Amino acid sequence: MVLLTTLVMLDPESALRERGSGTASQVVEFAVVTHDDLGVEDLSSEQLRRIFLGERQYWDDGSRILTLIGVPGTAGRATVLELICDMTEAQYREYWIAKIFRTQATSGPRVLETDAALLSFVSRLPGSIAVVPASPDTDGVRILSIDGLKPGAPGYPLRNSPS
């Protein structure tokens, strides 16, 4: 089952969706969310990158990090790839194939269809982390600061201009 989840993540053609929301000039901010009980308040951009690349697999308290990501074609996934990992979809796919092939990981991040599903899973799974559009409706999850900044603050690093 883990392998099937990974294969869905690795096949962007089967998961691409048309997402026609907002205007071309609209700036969208994304929040990094974790389970509400996690004792983490802030991550550096580098720590966040290491988490989404599977280089950091445990929180400071020793609990396992469960990384969740949207399907290819979603704005949250594009933000993770472009702003956090500095990779294209193809590079990210190849990165995880190589990491799994070298047995440095058993699977890539768990892939979910919608932002609502990401929020739901994060609220129920201790140790989980995801990137979703910033919203006040985040009951049951904690919004982390990135480099000491919360969404909405000047200089917040997870802003994306839809093209």
C-alpha atoms as a PDB file:
ATOM      1  CA  MET A   1       0.000   0.000   0.000  1.00  0.00           C
ATOM      2  CA  VAL A   2       2.848   2.379   0.759  1.00  0.00           C
ATOM      3  CA  LEU A   3       4.277   1.708  -2.697  1.00  0.00           C
ATOM      4  CA  LEU A   4       0.934   2.522  -4.335  1.00  0.00           C
ATOM      5  CA  THR A   5       0.768   5.854  -2.518  1.00  0.00           C
ATOM      6  CA  THR A   6       4.250   6.670  -3.729  1.00  0.00           C
ATOM      7  CA  LEU A   7       3.410   5.719  -7.293  1.00  0.00           C
ATOM      8  CA  VAL A   8       0.432   8.078  -7.315  1.00  0.00           C
ATOM      9  CA  MET A   9       2.756  10.869  -6.226  1.00  0.00           C
ATOM     10  CA  LEU A  10       5.243   9.903  -8.902  1.00  0.00           C
ATOM     11  CA  ASP A  11       2.734   9.977 -11.766  1.00  0.00           C
ATOM     12  CA  PRO A  12       1.724  13.609 -12.238  1.00  0.00           C
ATOM     13  CA  GLU A  13      -0.052  13.018 -15.546  1.00  0.00           C
ATOM     14  CA  SER A  14      -2.766  10.913 -13.913  1.00  0.00           C
ATOM     15  CA  ALA A  15      -3.403  13.444 -11.166  1.00  0.00           C
ATOM     16  CA  LEU A  16      -3.315  16.830 -12.896  1.00  0.00           C
ATOM     17  CA  ARG A  17      -6.381  18.944 -12.285  1.00  0.00           C
ATOM     18  CA  GLU A  18      -7.571  22.249 -13.682  1.00  0.00           C
ATOM     19  CA  ARG A  19      -7.787  24.730 -10.819  1.00  0.00           C
ATOM     20  CA  GLY A  20      -9.271  28.009 -12.034  1.00  0.00           C
ATOM     21  CA  SER A  21      -9.455  30.180  -8.928  1.00  0.00           C
ATOM     22  CA  GLY A  22      -8.553  33.807  -8.381  1.00  0.00           C
ATOM     23  CA  THR A  23      -7.080  36.304 -10.740  1.00  0.00           C
ATOM     24  CA  ALA A  24      -3.651  36.263 -12.329  1.00  0.00           C
ATOM     25  CA  SER A  25      -2.459  39.148 -10.150  1.00  0.00           C
ATOM     26  CA  GLN A  26      -3.708  37.674  -6.865  1.00  0.00           C
ATOM     27  CA  VAL A  27      -0.980  36.746  -4.376  1.00  0.00           C
ATOM     28  CA  VAL A  28      -1.752  33.606  -2.388  1.00  0.00           C
ATOM     29  CA  GLU A  29      -0.106  32.816   0.940  1.00  0.00           C
ATOM     30  CA  PHE A  30       0.365  29.293   2.189  1.00  0.00           C
ATOM     31  CA  ALA A  31       0.504  28.077   5.761  1.00  0.00           C
ATOM     32  CA  VAL A  32       2.586  25.230   7.118  1.00  0.00           C
ATOM     33  CA  VAL A  33       0.300  23.279   9.435  1.00  0.00           C
ATOM     34  CA  THR A  34       0.990  20.536  11.955  1.00  0.00           C
ATOM     35  CA  HIS A  35      -1.064  18.559  14.432  1.00  0.00           C
ATOM     36  CA  ASP A  36      -2.228  20.886  17.211  1.00  0.00           C
ATOM     37  CA  ASP A  37      -0.470  18.855  19.939  1.00  0.00           C
ATOM     38  CA  LEU A  38       2.975  19.059  18.336  1.00  0.00           C
ATOM     39  CA  GLY A  39       5.292  21.202  20.440  1.00  0.00           C
ATOM     40  CA  VAL A  40       6.777  23.015  17.438  1.00  0.00           C
ATOM     41  CA  GLU A  41       6.003  26.702  16.843  1.00  0.00           C
ATOM     42  CA  ASP A  42       8.585  27.748  14.217  1.00  0.00           C
ATOM     43  CA  LEU A  43      10.732  26.158  11.509  1.00  0.00           C
ATOM     44  CA  SER A  44      13.471  27.686   9.421  1.00  0.00           C
ATOM     45  CA  SER A  45      13.153  27.519   5.651  1.00  0.00           C
ATOM     46  CA  GLU A  46      16.021  25.013   5.642  1.00  0.00           C
ATOM     47  CA  GLN A  47      14.338  22.777   8.243  1.00  0.00           C
ATOM     48  CA  LEU A  48      11.137  22.855   6.190  1.00  0.00           C
ATOM     49  CA  ARG A  49      13.069  21.945   3.040  1.00  0.00           C
ATOM     50  CA  ARG A  50      14.768  19.018   4.797  1.00  0.00           C
ATOM     51  CA  ILE A  51      11.376  17.739   5.989  1.00  0.00           C
ATOM     52  CA  PHE A  52       9.804  17.813   2.503  1.00  0.00           C
ATOM     53  CA  LEU A  53      12.904  16.148   1.032  1.00  0.00           C
ATOM     54  CA  GLY A  54      12.779  13.367   3.620  1.00  0.00           C
ATOM     55  CA  GLU A  55      16.162  14.355   5.058  1.00  0.00           C
ATOM     56  CA  ARG A  56      14.625  15.066   8.454  1.00  0.00           C
ATOM     57  CA  GLN A  57      12.327  12.256   9.556  1.00  0.00           C
ATOM     58  CA  TYR A  58      11.832  12.896  13.291  1.00  0.00           C
ATOM     59  CA  TRP A  59      10.640  15.827  15.363  1.00  0.00           C
ATOM     60  CA  ASP A  60      12.811  17.006  18.262  1.00  0.00           C
ATOM     61  CA  ASP A  61      10.686  14.955  20.699  1.00  0.00           C
ATOM     62  CA  GLY A  62      11.558  11.772  18.753  1.00  0.00           C
ATOM     63  CA  SER A  63       8.161  11.330  17.110  1.00  0.00           C
ATOM     64  CA  ARG A  64       8.062  10.452  13.426  1.00  0.00           C
ATOM     65  CA  ILE A  65       7.335  13.201  10.892  1.00  0.00           C
ATOM     66  CA  LEU A  66       4.499  12.303   8.529  1.00  0.00           C
ATOM     67  CA  THR A  67       4.767  14.566   5.493  1.00  0.00           C
ATOM     68  CA  LEU A  68       1.566  15.163   3.521  1.00  0.00           C
ATOM     69  CA  ILE A  69       1.342  16.883   0.132  1.00  0.00           C
ATOM     70  CA  GLY A  70      -1.322  17.653  -2.462  1.00  0.00           C
ATOM     71  CA  VAL A  71      -1.602  15.953  -5.836  1.00  0.00           C
ATOM     72  CA  PRO A  72       0.364  17.326  -8.796  1.00  0.00           C
ATOM     73  CA  GLY A  73      -1.317  20.397 -10.211  1.00  0.00           C
ATOM     74  CA  THR A  74      -2.469  21.803  -6.864  1.00  0.00           C
ATOM     75  CA  ALA A  75      -1.271  25.203  -5.677  1.00  0.00           C
ATOM     76  CA  GLY A  76      -0.036  23.851  -2.344  1.00  0.00           C
ATOM     77  CA  ARG A  77       2.114  21.224  -4.030  1.00  0.00           C
ATOM     78  CA  ALA A  78       3.504  23.815  -6.455  1.00  0.00           C
ATOM     79  CA  THR A  79       4.433  25.972  -3.451  1.00  0.00           C
ATOM     80  CA  VAL A  80       6.232  23.065  -1.778  1.00  0.00           C
ATOM     81  CA  LEU A  81       8.153  22.242  -4.945  1.00  0.00           C
ATOM     82  CA  GLU A  82       8.989  25.786  -6.086  1.00  0.00           C
ATOM     83  CA  LEU A  83       9.373  27.792  -2.874  1.00  0.00           C
ATOM     84  CA  ILE A  84      10.470  25.140  -0.378  1.00  0.00           C
ATOM     85  CA  CYS A  85      12.353  22.489  -2.388  1.00  0.00           C
ATOM     86  CA  ASP A  86      13.416  24.645  -5.372  1.00  0.00           C
ATOM     87  CA  MET A  87      12.521  21.812  -7.763  1.00  0.00           C
ATOM     88  CA  THR A  88      10.233  21.148 -10.688  1.00  0.00           C
ATOM     89  CA  GLU A  89       7.643  18.361 -10.566  1.00  0.00           C
ATOM     90  CA  ALA A  90       9.956  16.152 -12.670  1.00  0.00           C
ATOM     91  CA  GLN A  91      12.959  16.840 -10.415  1.00  0.00           C
ATOM     92  CA  TYR A  92      10.923  16.095  -7.277  1.00  0.00           C
ATOM     93  CA  ARG A  93       9.623  12.849  -8.790  1.00  0.00           C
ATOM     94  CA  GLU A  94      13.143  11.777  -9.821  1.00  0.00           C
ATOM     95  CA  TYR A  95      14.511  12.762  -6.408  1.00  0.00           C
ATOM     96  CA  TRP A  96      12.039  10.483  -4.611  1.00  0.00           C
ATOM     97  CA  ILE A  97      12.491   7.605  -7.066  1.00  0.00           C
ATOM     98  CA  ALA A  98      16.252   7.729  -6.451  1.00  0.00           C
ATOM     99  CA  LYS A  99      15.836   8.071  -2.672  1.00  0.00           C
ATOM    100  CA  ILE A 100      13.551   5.031  -2.541  1.00  0.00           C
ATOM    101  CA  PHE A 101      15.756   3.039  -4.940  1.00  0.00           C
ATOM    102  CA  ARG A 102      18.808   3.725  -2.726  1.00  0.00           C
ATOM    103  CA  THR A 103      16.703   2.611   0.291  1.00  0.00           C
ATOM    104  CA  GLN A 104      17.123   6.018   1.938  1.00  0.00           C
ATOM    105  CA  ALA A 105      13.330   6.087   2.306  1.00  0.00           C
ATOM    106  CA  THR A 106      10.545   3.532   2.073  1.00  0.00           C
ATOM    107  CA  SER A 107       8.113   6.010   0.512  1.00  0.00           C
ATOM    108  CA  GLY A 108       7.675   9.656  -0.385  1.00  0.00           C
ATOM    109  CA  PRO A 109       5.243  12.084   1.215  1.00  0.00           C
ATOM    110  CA  ARG A 110       1.653  10.866   1.460  1.00  0.00           C
ATOM    111  CA  VAL A 111      -0.444  12.389  -1.327  1.00  0.00           C
ATOM    112  CA  LEU A 112      -3.982  13.683  -0.735  1.00  0.00           C
ATOM    113  CA  GLU A 113      -6.481  15.097  -3.232  1.00  0.00           C
ATOM    114  CA  THR A 114      -7.679  18.296  -1.556  1.00  0.00           C
ATOM    115  CA  ASP A 115      -6.649  20.966   0.933  1.00  0.00           C
ATOM    116  CA  ALA A 116      -9.611  19.898   3.098  1.00  0.00           C
ATOM    117  CA  ALA A 117      -8.244  16.337   3.164  1.00  0.00           C
ATOM    118  CA  LEU A 118      -4.780  17.630   4.098  1.00  0.00           C
ATOM    119  CA  LEU A 119      -6.242  19.649   6.991  1.00  0.00           C
ATOM    120  CA  SER A 120      -8.386  16.736   8.126  1.00  0.00           C
ATOM    121  CA  PHE A 121      -5.469  14.308   8.152  1.00  0.00           C
ATOM    122  CA  VAL A 122      -3.136  16.765   9.908  1.00  0.00           C
ATOM    123  CA  SER A 123      -5.757  17.392  12.604  1.00  0.00           C
ATOM    124  CA  ARG A 124      -6.033  13.633  13.256  1.00  0.00           C
ATOM    125  CA  LEU A 125      -2.430  12.433  12.820  1.00  0.00           C
ATOM    126  CA  PRO A 126       0.132  13.467  15.449  1.00  0.00           C
ATOM    127  CA  GLY A 127       3.471  14.308  13.844  1.00  0.00           C
ATOM    128  CA  SER A 128       1.963  15.250  10.484  1.00  0.00           C
ATOM    129  CA  ILE A 129       2.828  18.358   8.475  1.00  0.00           C
ATOM    130  CA  ALA A 130       1.367  19.888   5.299  1.00  0.00           C
ATOM    131  CA  VAL A 131       1.248  23.122   3.302  1.00  0.00           C
ATOM    132  CA  VAL A 132      -2.200  24.574   2.564  1.00  0.00           C
ATOM    133  CA  PRO A 133      -3.573  27.973   1.508  1.00  0.00           C
ATOM    134  CA  ALA A 134      -3.511  30.273   4.553  1.00  0.00           C
ATOM    135  CA  SER A 135      -6.987  30.533   6.046  1.00  0.00           C
ATOM    136  CA  PRO A 136      -8.534  31.418   9.399  1.00  0.00           C
ATOM    137  CA  ASP A 137     -10.475  28.115   9.233  1.00  0.00           C
ATOM    138  CA  THR A 138      -7.776  25.849  10.627  1.00  0.00           C
ATOM    139  CA  ASP A 139      -9.416  24.231  13.655  1.00  0.00           C
ATOM    140  CA  GLY A 140      -7.447  21.314  15.068  1.00  0.00           C
ATOM    141  CA  VAL A 141      -4.142  22.266  13.439  1.00  0.00           C
ATOM    142  CA  ARG A 142      -1.295  24.576  14.369  1.00  0.00           C
ATOM    143  CA  ILE A 143       0.003  27.156  11.890  1.00  0.00           C
ATOM    144  CA  LEU A 144       3.778  27.330  12.178  1.00  0.00           C
ATOM    145  CA  SER A 145       5.945  30.390  11.770  1.00  0.00           C
ATOM    146  CA  ILE A 146       8.561  30.078   9.031  1.00  0.00           C
ATOM    147  CA  ASP A 147      11.799  31.925   9.754  1.00  0.00           C
ATOM    148  CA  GLY A 148       9.933  33.612  12.617  1.00  0.00           C
ATOM    149  CA  LEU A 149       7.101  34.903  10.399  1.00  0.00           C
ATOM    150  CA  LYS A 150       3.426  33.910  10.246  1.00  0.00           C
ATOM    151  CA  PRO A 151       1.261  34.178   7.112  1.00  0.00           C
ATOM    152  CA  GLY A 152       0.306  37.807   6.552  1.00  0.00           C
ATOM    153  CA  ALA A 153       3.546  39.211   7.962  1.00  0.00           C
ATOM    154  CA  PRO A 154       5.766  41.289   5.666  1.00  0.00           C
ATOM    155  CA  GLY A 155       8.523  39.097   4.243  1.00  0.00           C
ATOM    156  CA  TYR A 156       6.658  35.830   4.856  1.00  0.00           C
ATOM    157  CA  PRO A 157       8.411  33.339   2.520  1.00  0.00           C
ATOM    158  CA  LEU A 158       5.474  31.223   1.312  1.00  0.00           C
ATOM    159  CA  ARG A 159       3.747  33.617  -1.081  1.00  0.00           C
ATOM    160  CA  ASN A 160       2.913  32.539  -4.593  1.00  0.00           C
ATOM    161  CA  SER A 161       1.647  34.607  -7.511  1.00  0.00           C
ATOM    162  CA  PRO A 162      -0.565  32.380  -9.680  1.00  0.00           C
ATOM    163  CA  SER A 163       0.398  32.592 -13.345  1.00  0.00           C
END
